[in-house]
Amino acid sequence: MFILSKDNSENYNAMIFKLDAPLKHPNADKLQIFKLNHQQVITNMDYNQGDIVAFFPIGCCINTDLVSQFNGFSDPLLNQDKSVKGFFEKRGRVRAIKLRDERVEGFILPITEIMSFLKITQVPVTGTVFDSYGDIILCKKYVAPSKNSGTNLGGSNKKRERSLKDMMIEGQFKFHVKTPNLKNTTNQLMGYKDRNVSVTYKVHGTSAIFSNVLVQRVLSWYEKVLIYFGVSVPTTEYKPVYASRQVIKGTVDNELQKEGFYKTNVWKETFDRIMDKGGIPEGYTIYGEIVGFTSDNGYIQGKYDYGCAEKESKLLVYRVTQTNPEGKVIELTWAQIKQFCRKYDLEFVPEFYEGNLGLFLKKNKITSEVKLIEKLTDLYNLEDNCYMCKNPVPTEGIVIKVDDLDECLVFKLKSFAFLQLENTLEEATIEDLN
């Protein structure tokens, strides 16, 4: 059956749709446009209203054997029919492109094509979200190769690495949460009309986490002896820790991991600046993006300077949490995040709106989920260049955060121009590697 694998990435799953009536392509007589889930696809005239299709979003990779079956590769030697040439590169990635000046925001395939590939006869139910059929992966998130993948810049100390992992207390330190694509979750957001939300600028940098987390103390031999004889000895302590999106990089007294994409340790440099300002209060975790330049004057993200001078960077905070000794995590509201940043001399991501979602929708005459996407795009000029950068680079997008003390409720909306740029940057990386 069609399922979501345990490793699925929610923004890159496929979905079963029944096509509505097509729209005429304004610049091509033999092309048509279908709207699916606030995203549009362009097809030839073989598709019709009522057809059952699978929709694959931008940024996913389609099973290469499946692509070969429908002769979708641009290299015909990879297709079953060697005389047919498609448009997919060898990894089967769905890209953001324009076709005759109209956006292509995904790819659709007749469900019969997938059924033939899987050798099944039962048509899946409309609305089914999936990335697999049983053990067969049908699509997955595209991950670009890294130029410096596997590079060890300073020599990781495995003993120290093990030591830090042994120190970590379950539930105390939390990595970044996944941020769902607003186009796939508009109905969920619209259900929070009675809640306060913030609309903030999404910045293109490198993810960073700075935390003063409760850890297991490294006990001396003397303390171990005392414990053996029943003497009470403190076994935990608060220790500042810094990390990237999914890797702990070090602590206040231990530079654990130096390896990564950059020639300099941008996380350690930012952490040091935070500690110089007075550090992080006990139990708090700061989530943000490091933007600008590395200390050796490379861009953290291609030409996205965010107003920084050469060799300078800054941390833009978008989330703060407080964790008690029992592991209970409290999400700070956007108002509390701003207050926290001002108190500890930190900069938060630019804010466009803060207040009640229902009032925001009413003020901007947003009456439907479709109107929401269109209005947000126009209201915040998402298809214009980034207003914070001196260089002419596309705006990445916006993030909507719902105030909730118990869980992190966030939604992202990326610009189409930025999605196109991602294609270009990823292809350049692959070309360099080859």
Protein backbone atom coordinates (compact mmCIF):
# COMPACT_ATOMS: atom_id res chain seq x y z
CA MET A 1 0.00 0.00 0.00
CA PHE A 2 0.96 3.65 -0.44
CA ILE A 3 2.59 4.82 2.79
CA LEU A 4 4.85 7.39 4.40
CA SER A 5 8.19 5.87 5.35
CA LYS A 6 9.65 6.57 8.79
CA ASP A 7 12.30 8.79 7.17
CA ASN A 8 9.91 10.81 5.01
CA SER A 9 10.27 14.59 4.67
CA GLU A 10 6.80 16.11 4.84
CA ASN A 11 7.50 18.92 2.37
CA TYR A 12 8.68 16.46 -0.25
CA ASN A 13 5.98 13.79 -0.18
CA ALA A 14 3.77 12.99 -3.17
CA MET A 15 -0.02 13.26 -3.13
CA ILE A 16 -2.90 11.76 -5.14
CA PHE A 17 -5.15 14.31 -6.89
CA LYS A 18 -8.20 14.27 -9.12
CA LEU A 19 -7.64 17.00 -11.68
CA ASP A 20 -10.01 19.94 -11.89
CA ALA A 21 -10.64 21.74 -15.15
CA PRO A 22 -7.42 23.01 -16.75
CA LEU A 23 -6.56 26.61 -17.51
CA LYS A 24 -5.31 27.67 -20.91
CA HIS A 25 -1.62 28.48 -21.03
CA PRO A 26 -1.49 32.16 -22.07
CA ASN A 27 1.61 31.72 -24.21
CA ALA A 28 1.29 28.22 -25.68
CA ASP A 29 -1.57 26.58 -27.56
CA LYS A 30 -0.40 23.03 -26.84
CA LEU A 31 0.15 23.49 -23.10
CA GLN A 32 -2.30 23.78 -20.20
CA ILE A 33 -2.16 24.66 -16.51
CA PHE A 34 -3.60 22.71 -13.58
CA LYS A 35 -3.85 24.08 -10.03
CA LEU A 36 -3.14 21.61 -7.23
CA ASN A 37 -2.80 22.51 -3.56
CA HIS A 38 -1.94 26.18 -4.28
CA GLN A 39 0.71 25.10 -6.77
CA GLN A 40 0.50 24.91 -10.52
CA VAL A 41 1.81 22.40 -13.02
CA ILE A 42 2.02 22.63 -16.78
CA THR A 43 1.21 19.68 -19.01
CA ASN A 44 0.61 18.80 -22.63
CA MET A 45 -2.94 18.27 -23.85
CA ASP A 46 -3.02 14.58 -22.86
CA TYR A 47 -4.27 15.38 -19.35
CA ASN A 48 -7.98 16.01 -18.73
CA GLN A 49 -10.36 17.03 -15.99
CA GLY A 50 -11.12 14.03 -13.77
CA ASP A 51 -7.78 12.27 -14.34
CA ILE A 52 -6.21 10.72 -11.22
CA VAL A 53 -2.57 11.76 -10.90
CA ALA A 54 0.31 11.76 -8.44
CA PHE A 55 1.74 15.18 -7.70
CA PHE A 56 5.46 15.44 -6.91
CA PRO A 57 6.58 18.77 -5.34
CA ILE A 58 9.64 20.88 -6.10
CA GLY A 59 12.73 19.57 -4.40
CA CYS A 60 11.87 15.88 -4.35
CA CYS A 61 13.59 13.12 -6.31
CA ILE A 62 11.39 10.61 -8.09
CA ASN A 63 12.41 6.94 -8.10
CA THR A 64 14.86 6.71 -11.01
CA ASP A 65 13.49 3.37 -12.23
CA LEU A 66 10.07 4.99 -12.45
CA VAL A 67 11.52 7.96 -14.36
CA SER A 68 13.20 5.55 -16.73
CA GLN A 69 9.88 3.76 -17.30
CA PHE A 70 8.09 6.91 -18.43
CA ASN A 71 11.19 7.99 -20.41
CA GLY A 72 11.64 11.14 -18.39
CA PHE A 73 15.44 11.51 -18.37
CA SER A 74 17.13 14.17 -20.49
CA ASP A 75 19.80 11.58 -21.25
CA PRO A 76 17.90 9.13 -23.50
CA LEU A 77 20.35 6.34 -22.68
CA LEU A 78 18.81 6.24 -19.20
CA ASN A 79 15.27 5.73 -20.56
CA GLN A 80 13.61 2.46 -21.44
CA ASP A 81 12.96 3.86 -24.90
CA LYS A 82 16.38 5.15 -25.98
CA SER A 83 14.80 7.22 -28.74
CA VAL A 84 12.86 9.42 -26.30
CA LYS A 85 14.34 12.39 -24.45
CA GLY A 86 12.73 13.90 -21.35
CA PHE A 87 13.81 16.71 -19.01
CA PHE A 88 14.86 15.09 -15.71
CA GLU A 89 18.53 15.00 -14.68
CA LYS A 90 19.95 11.68 -13.59
CA ARG A 91 18.70 11.89 -9.99
CA GLY A 92 15.09 12.49 -11.02
CA ARG A 93 14.82 15.84 -9.23
CA VAL A 94 11.73 18.01 -9.61
CA ARG A 95 12.94 21.56 -10.21
CA ALA A 96 11.39 25.03 -10.10
CA ILE A 97 11.29 26.30 -13.68
CA LYS A 98 9.30 28.58 -15.92
CA LEU A 99 7.75 27.31 -19.12
CA ARG A 100 6.79 30.04 -21.53
CA ASP A 101 6.86 32.55 -18.63
CA GLU A 102 4.56 30.45 -16.43
CA ARG A 103 5.69 28.80 -13.20
CA VAL A 104 6.09 25.05 -12.93
CA GLU A 105 5.75 24.22 -9.24
CA GLY A 106 5.75 20.45 -9.40
CA PHE A 107 5.29 17.45 -11.63
CA ILE A 108 2.26 15.20 -12.17
CA LEU A 109 2.17 11.66 -13.42
CA PRO A 110 -0.91 9.58 -14.29
CA ILE A 111 -1.57 7.16 -11.47
CA THR A 112 -1.82 4.40 -14.08
CA GLU A 113 1.89 4.91 -14.81
CA ILE A 114 2.77 4.30 -11.17
CA MET A 115 0.38 1.37 -10.94
CA SER A 116 2.06 -0.20 -13.97
CA PHE A 117 5.47 0.36 -12.40
CA LEU A 118 4.34 -1.28 -9.15
CA LYS A 119 2.33 -3.99 -10.95
CA ILE A 120 -0.82 -3.25 -8.95
CA THR A 121 -4.46 -2.80 -9.94
CA GLN A 122 -6.02 -0.92 -7.04
CA VAL A 123 -6.26 2.86 -7.52
CA PRO A 124 -5.18 4.79 -4.40
CA VAL A 125 -7.68 7.10 -2.71
CA THR A 126 -7.61 10.77 -3.70
CA GLY A 127 -5.79 12.79 -1.04
CA THR A 128 -3.37 10.00 -0.14
CA VAL A 129 0.03 11.39 0.87
CA PHE A 130 2.96 9.05 0.35
CA ASP A 131 6.63 8.60 -0.41
CA SER A 132 6.65 4.80 -0.66
CA TYR A 133 4.72 1.74 -1.68
CA GLY A 134 5.63 -0.91 0.86
CA ASP A 135 9.43 -1.10 0.80
CA ILE A 136 9.73 0.73 -2.54
CA ILE A 137 10.73 4.42 -2.17
CA LEU A 138 8.86 6.41 -4.82
CA CYS A 139 10.15 9.87 -3.91
CA LYS A 140 12.44 11.50 -1.37
CA LYS A 141 13.95 14.87 -0.52
CA TYR A 142 16.75 15.97 -2.82
CA VAL A 143 20.00 16.51 -0.91
CA ALA A 144 22.73 18.36 -2.77
CA PRO A 145 26.28 17.04 -2.38
CA SER A 146 28.65 19.23 -0.37
CA LYS A 147 31.94 20.48 -1.78
CA ASN A 148 33.57 19.95 1.59
CA SER A 149 31.68 16.85 2.58
CA GLY A 150 33.79 14.76 4.90
CA THR A 151 36.50 17.41 5.29
CA ASN A 152 38.08 17.50 8.72
CA LEU A 153 39.46 20.96 9.21
CA GLY A 154 40.87 20.63 12.63
CA GLY A 155 40.80 17.01 13.57
CA SER A 156 37.74 15.79 15.41
CA ASN A 157 38.60 14.19 18.73
CA LYS A 158 36.53 11.00 18.96
CA LYS A 159 37.20 10.63 22.67
CA ARG A 160 35.90 14.12 23.34
CA GLU A 161 32.97 13.48 21.02
CA ARG A 162 31.96 10.39 22.95
CA SER A 163 32.46 12.25 26.21
CA LEU A 164 30.04 15.01 25.24
CA LYS A 165 27.41 12.58 24.00
CA ASP A 166 27.66 10.71 27.29
CA MET A 167 27.11 14.00 29.10
CA MET A 168 23.88 14.85 27.28
CA ILE A 169 20.67 14.28 29.23
CA GLU A 170 17.72 13.08 27.17
CA GLY A 171 15.10 15.78 26.68
CA GLN A 172 17.35 18.68 27.63
CA PHE A 173 18.80 19.63 24.23
CA LYS A 174 16.56 19.82 21.17
CA PHE A 175 17.60 20.24 17.53
CA HIS A 176 15.62 22.28 15.02
CA VAL A 177 12.08 21.20 14.19
CA LYS A 178 10.96 20.74 10.58
CA THR A 179 9.03 23.65 9.11
CA PRO A 180 6.09 22.61 6.91
CA ASN A 181 5.42 24.32 3.57
CA LEU A 182 2.49 26.71 4.00
CA LYS A 183 1.12 25.74 0.57
CA ASN A 184 0.53 22.24 1.93
CA THR A 185 -0.85 23.34 5.29
CA THR A 186 -3.01 26.42 4.66
CA ASN A 187 -6.05 24.71 6.19
CA GLN A 188 -4.08 24.05 9.37
CA LEU A 189 -2.97 27.68 9.67
CA MET A 190 -6.49 28.98 8.98
CA GLY A 191 -7.63 26.98 12.02
CA TYR A 192 -5.68 29.35 14.30
CA LYS A 193 -7.75 32.49 13.60
CA ASP A 194 -8.20 33.12 17.31
CA ARG A 195 -4.47 32.93 18.03
CA ASN A 196 -1.65 35.47 17.89
CA VAL A 197 0.87 34.98 15.11
CA SER A 198 4.02 36.61 13.83
CA VAL A 199 5.03 37.02 10.21
CA THR A 200 8.81 37.31 9.86
CA TYR A 201 11.39 37.47 7.11
CA LYS A 202 12.96 34.13 6.22
CA VAL A 203 16.71 34.61 5.89
CA HIS A 204 19.18 32.48 3.96
CA GLY A 205 22.13 31.56 6.17
CA THR A 206 23.32 28.56 8.13
CA SER A 207 21.27 27.16 11.01
CA ALA A 208 22.63 27.54 14.51
CA ILE A 209 21.60 26.56 18.04
CA PHE A 210 23.02 28.01 21.26
CA SER A 211 21.88 26.50 24.54
CA ASN A 212 22.72 26.49 28.23
CA VAL A 213 21.60 22.93 28.83
CA LEU A 214 21.58 20.63 31.83
CA VAL A 215 24.22 17.86 31.38
CA GLN A 216 25.83 15.09 33.36
CA ARG A 217 28.90 16.31 35.25
CA VAL A 218 32.25 14.66 34.62
CA LEU A 219 33.00 13.39 38.11
CA SER A 220 36.47 13.26 39.58
CA TRP A 221 37.76 10.05 41.11
CA TYR A 222 37.33 11.63 44.54
CA GLU A 223 33.66 12.41 43.90
CA LYS A 224 33.08 8.85 42.68
CA VAL A 225 34.55 7.56 45.93
CA LEU A 226 32.27 9.85 47.94
CA ILE A 227 29.24 8.58 46.04
CA TYR A 228 30.37 5.00 46.69
CA PHE A 229 30.26 5.71 50.42
CA GLY A 230 26.83 7.30 50.19
CA VAL A 231 27.85 10.96 50.19
CA SER A 232 25.59 13.23 48.13
CA VAL A 233 27.48 14.80 45.21
CA PRO A 234 25.98 17.00 42.45
CA THR A 235 25.84 14.91 39.28
CA THR A 236 24.43 17.47 36.86
CA GLU A 237 25.31 21.01 35.84
CA TYR A 238 24.35 23.62 33.27
CA LYS A 239 26.78 23.89 30.37
CA PRO A 240 26.60 26.14 27.29
CA VAL A 241 26.46 24.10 24.06
CA TYR A 242 26.45 25.19 20.41
CA ALA A 243 25.32 23.28 17.34
CA SER A 244 24.39 23.46 13.68
CA ARG A 245 20.98 22.21 12.52
CA GLN A 246 21.67 18.57 13.36
CA VAL A 247 25.22 18.38 14.76
CA ILE A 248 26.52 19.40 18.19
CA LYS A 249 29.71 21.36 17.52
CA GLY A 250 31.04 21.95 21.01
CA THR A 251 30.65 23.39 24.50
CA VAL A 252 32.00 26.36 26.40
CA ASP A 253 35.17 24.40 27.24
CA ASN A 254 35.34 21.89 24.38
CA GLU A 255 35.46 22.56 20.61
CA LEU A 256 34.05 19.20 19.70
CA GLN A 257 33.65 19.29 15.94
CA LYS A 258 35.38 21.61 13.51
CA GLU A 259 34.49 19.86 10.27
CA GLY A 260 31.74 21.25 8.05
CA PHE A 261 31.04 23.21 4.92
CA TYR A 262 33.00 26.32 5.86
CA LYS A 263 36.74 26.83 6.21
CA THR A 264 36.14 28.62 9.50
CA ASN A 265 33.92 27.55 12.38
CA VAL A 266 31.12 30.11 12.08
CA TRP A 267 29.19 28.47 14.93
CA LYS A 268 32.10 28.74 17.38
CA GLU A 269 32.76 32.36 16.36
CA THR A 270 29.11 33.29 16.94
CA PHE A 271 29.01 31.34 20.21
CA ASP A 272 32.07 33.21 21.48
CA ARG A 273 30.40 36.55 20.75
CA ILE A 274 27.31 35.46 22.70
CA MET A 275 29.44 34.35 25.64
CA ASP A 276 31.36 37.64 25.58
CA LYS A 277 28.04 39.48 25.95
CA GLY A 278 27.19 37.61 29.13
CA GLY A 279 26.24 34.18 27.86
CA ILE A 280 22.96 32.28 27.81
CA PRO A 281 20.72 32.00 30.89
CA GLU A 282 20.29 28.53 32.34
CA GLY A 283 17.69 26.39 30.63
CA TYR A 284 17.34 28.58 27.54
CA THR A 285 17.99 27.61 23.92
CA ILE A 286 18.39 30.10 21.07
CA TYR A 287 17.62 29.13 17.46
CA GLY A 288 18.68 31.32 14.57
CA GLU A 289 20.45 31.80 11.26
CA ILE A 290 24.04 33.00 10.92
CA VAL A 291 24.19 35.28 7.88
CA GLY A 292 26.74 37.43 6.08
CA PHE A 293 30.39 36.45 5.68
CA THR A 294 32.82 33.98 7.20
CA SER A 295 35.92 35.40 8.90
CA ASP A 296 38.02 34.46 5.86
CA ASN A 297 35.61 36.58 3.72
CA GLY A 298 33.54 33.92 2.06
CA TYR A 299 29.78 34.25 1.81
CA ILE A 300 27.88 32.08 4.27
CA GLN A 301 25.33 31.72 1.48
CA GLY A 302 26.13 32.79 -2.07
CA LYS A 303 26.03 36.61 -2.31
CA TYR A 304 23.53 36.93 0.58
CA ASP A 305 25.32 39.64 2.57
CA TYR A 306 22.34 40.91 4.66
CA GLY A 307 24.08 44.25 5.02
CA CYS A 308 27.16 42.78 6.72
CA ALA A 309 30.61 44.17 6.04
CA GLU A 310 33.24 41.82 4.60
CA LYS A 311 34.51 39.18 7.07
CA GLU A 312 31.53 39.93 9.35
CA SER A 313 28.47 37.89 10.22
CA LYS A 314 25.48 38.20 12.49
CA LEU A 315 23.00 35.92 14.19
CA LEU A 316 19.31 36.50 13.48
CA VAL A 317 17.15 34.79 16.12
CA TYR A 318 13.72 33.36 15.30
CA ARG A 319 12.97 30.97 18.17
CA VAL A 320 13.77 30.71 21.88
CA THR A 321 12.78 27.94 24.31
CA GLN A 322 13.08 27.35 28.04
CA THR A 323 13.62 23.82 29.37
CA ASN A 324 13.18 22.91 33.04
CA PRO A 325 15.26 20.24 34.83
CA GLU A 326 12.53 17.63 34.14
CA GLY A 327 12.76 18.23 30.38
CA LYS A 328 9.54 20.24 29.96
CA VAL A 329 10.01 22.64 27.04
CA ILE A 330 8.23 26.00 26.93
CA GLU A 331 8.09 27.91 23.65
CA LEU A 332 8.51 31.65 24.08
CA THR A 333 5.94 33.75 22.26
CA TRP A 334 7.17 36.12 19.58
CA ALA A 335 6.76 39.06 21.98
CA GLN A 336 8.83 37.19 24.59
CA ILE A 337 11.48 36.33 21.98
CA LYS A 338 11.92 40.00 21.11
CA GLN A 339 12.10 40.92 24.80
CA PHE A 340 14.70 38.18 25.38
CA CYS A 341 16.82 39.37 22.44
CA ARG A 342 16.77 42.98 23.61
CA LYS A 343 17.78 41.94 27.12
CA TYR A 344 20.74 39.86 25.92
CA ASP A 345 21.79 42.13 23.04
CA LEU A 346 20.75 39.75 20.27
CA GLU A 347 19.20 40.57 16.90
CA PHE A 348 15.96 38.89 15.82
CA VAL A 349 14.71 38.28 12.28
CA PRO A 350 12.80 41.22 10.73
CA GLU A 351 9.13 41.32 11.65
CA PHE A 352 6.29 42.14 9.25
CA TYR A 353 3.31 41.51 11.52
CA GLU A 354 2.49 40.54 15.08
CA GLY A 355 -1.04 40.11 16.33
CA ASN A 356 -4.25 38.15 15.98
CA LEU A 357 -4.44 35.99 12.84
CA GLY A 358 -8.18 36.55 12.40
CA LEU A 359 -7.70 40.32 12.43
CA PHE A 360 -4.83 40.00 9.95
CA LEU A 361 -7.00 38.00 7.56
CA LYS A 362 -9.89 40.44 7.90
CA LYS A 363 -7.70 43.52 7.46
CA ASN A 364 -6.15 42.13 4.29
CA LYS A 365 -9.46 40.74 2.93
CA ILE A 366 -8.19 37.18 2.88
CA THR A 367 -11.27 34.99 2.58
CA SER A 368 -9.84 31.69 1.36
CA GLU A 369 -6.74 29.52 1.45
CA VAL A 370 -5.94 30.47 -2.16
CA LYS A 371 -6.25 34.15 -1.33
CA LEU A 372 -3.88 33.64 1.62
CA ILE A 373 -0.98 32.51 -0.57
CA GLU A 374 -1.62 35.17 -3.22
CA LYS A 375 -1.96 37.97 -0.65
CA LEU A 376 1.13 37.02 1.33
CA THR A 377 3.19 36.88 -1.86
CA ASP A 378 2.03 40.34 -2.94
CA LEU A 379 1.91 41.93 0.51
CA TYR A 380 5.53 41.13 1.33
CA ASN A 381 6.96 41.37 -2.20
CA LEU A 382 8.23 37.82 -2.06
CA GLU A 383 9.19 37.75 -5.73
CA ASP A 384 11.35 40.88 -5.38
CA ASN A 385 15.01 40.94 -4.41
CA CYS A 386 16.00 40.72 -0.74
CA TYR A 387 15.60 44.18 0.75
CA MET A 388 18.27 43.50 3.42
CA CYS A 389 21.05 42.62 0.97
CA LYS A 390 23.29 44.97 -0.95
CA ASN A 391 23.65 42.34 -3.66
CA PRO A 392 20.65 41.69 -5.96
CA VAL A 393 19.50 38.29 -4.70
CA PRO A 394 15.98 36.81 -4.43
CA THR A 395 13.98 37.03 -1.22
CA GLU A 396 13.92 33.58 0.39
CA GLY A 397 10.42 33.96 1.85
CA ILE A 398 8.51 34.40 5.09
CA VAL A 399 7.75 32.37 8.20
CA ILE A 400 4.48 32.44 10.12
CA LYS A 401 4.75 31.42 13.78
CA VAL A 402 1.71 30.68 15.90
CA ASP A 403 2.14 31.54 19.58
CA ASP A 404 1.89 28.30 21.54
CA LEU A 405 3.72 27.57 24.78
CA ASP A 406 3.61 23.79 24.34
CA GLU A 407 4.78 23.24 20.75
CA CYS A 408 6.58 24.98 17.91
CA LEU A 409 3.92 25.86 15.30
CA VAL A 410 5.62 27.40 12.27
CA PHE A 411 4.90 27.53 8.52
CA LYS A 412 7.17 28.70 5.72
CA LEU A 413 6.44 30.19 2.32
CA LYS A 414 9.38 30.37 -0.07
CA SER A 415 9.46 32.60 -3.13
CA PHE A 416 9.49 30.96 -6.54
CA ALA A 417 12.52 33.06 -7.50
CA PHE A 418 14.43 31.60 -4.56
CA LEU A 419 13.44 28.04 -5.49
CA GLN A 420 14.83 28.69 -8.97
CA LEU A 421 18.05 30.04 -7.47
CA GLU A 422 18.39 26.89 -5.35
CA ASN A 423 18.30 24.86 -8.56
CA THR A 424 21.11 26.95 -10.03
CA LEU A 425 23.31 26.76 -6.93
CA GLU A 426 22.83 23.01 -6.55
CA GLU A 427 23.66 22.39 -10.20
CA ALA A 428 26.81 24.52 -9.89
CA THR A 429 27.91 22.46 -6.88
CA ILE A 430 27.40 19.21 -8.77
CA GLU A 431 29.31 20.56 -11.77
CA ASP A 432 32.25 21.52 -9.54
CA LEU A 433 32.29 18.08 -7.95
CA ASN A 434 32.24 16.39 -11.33
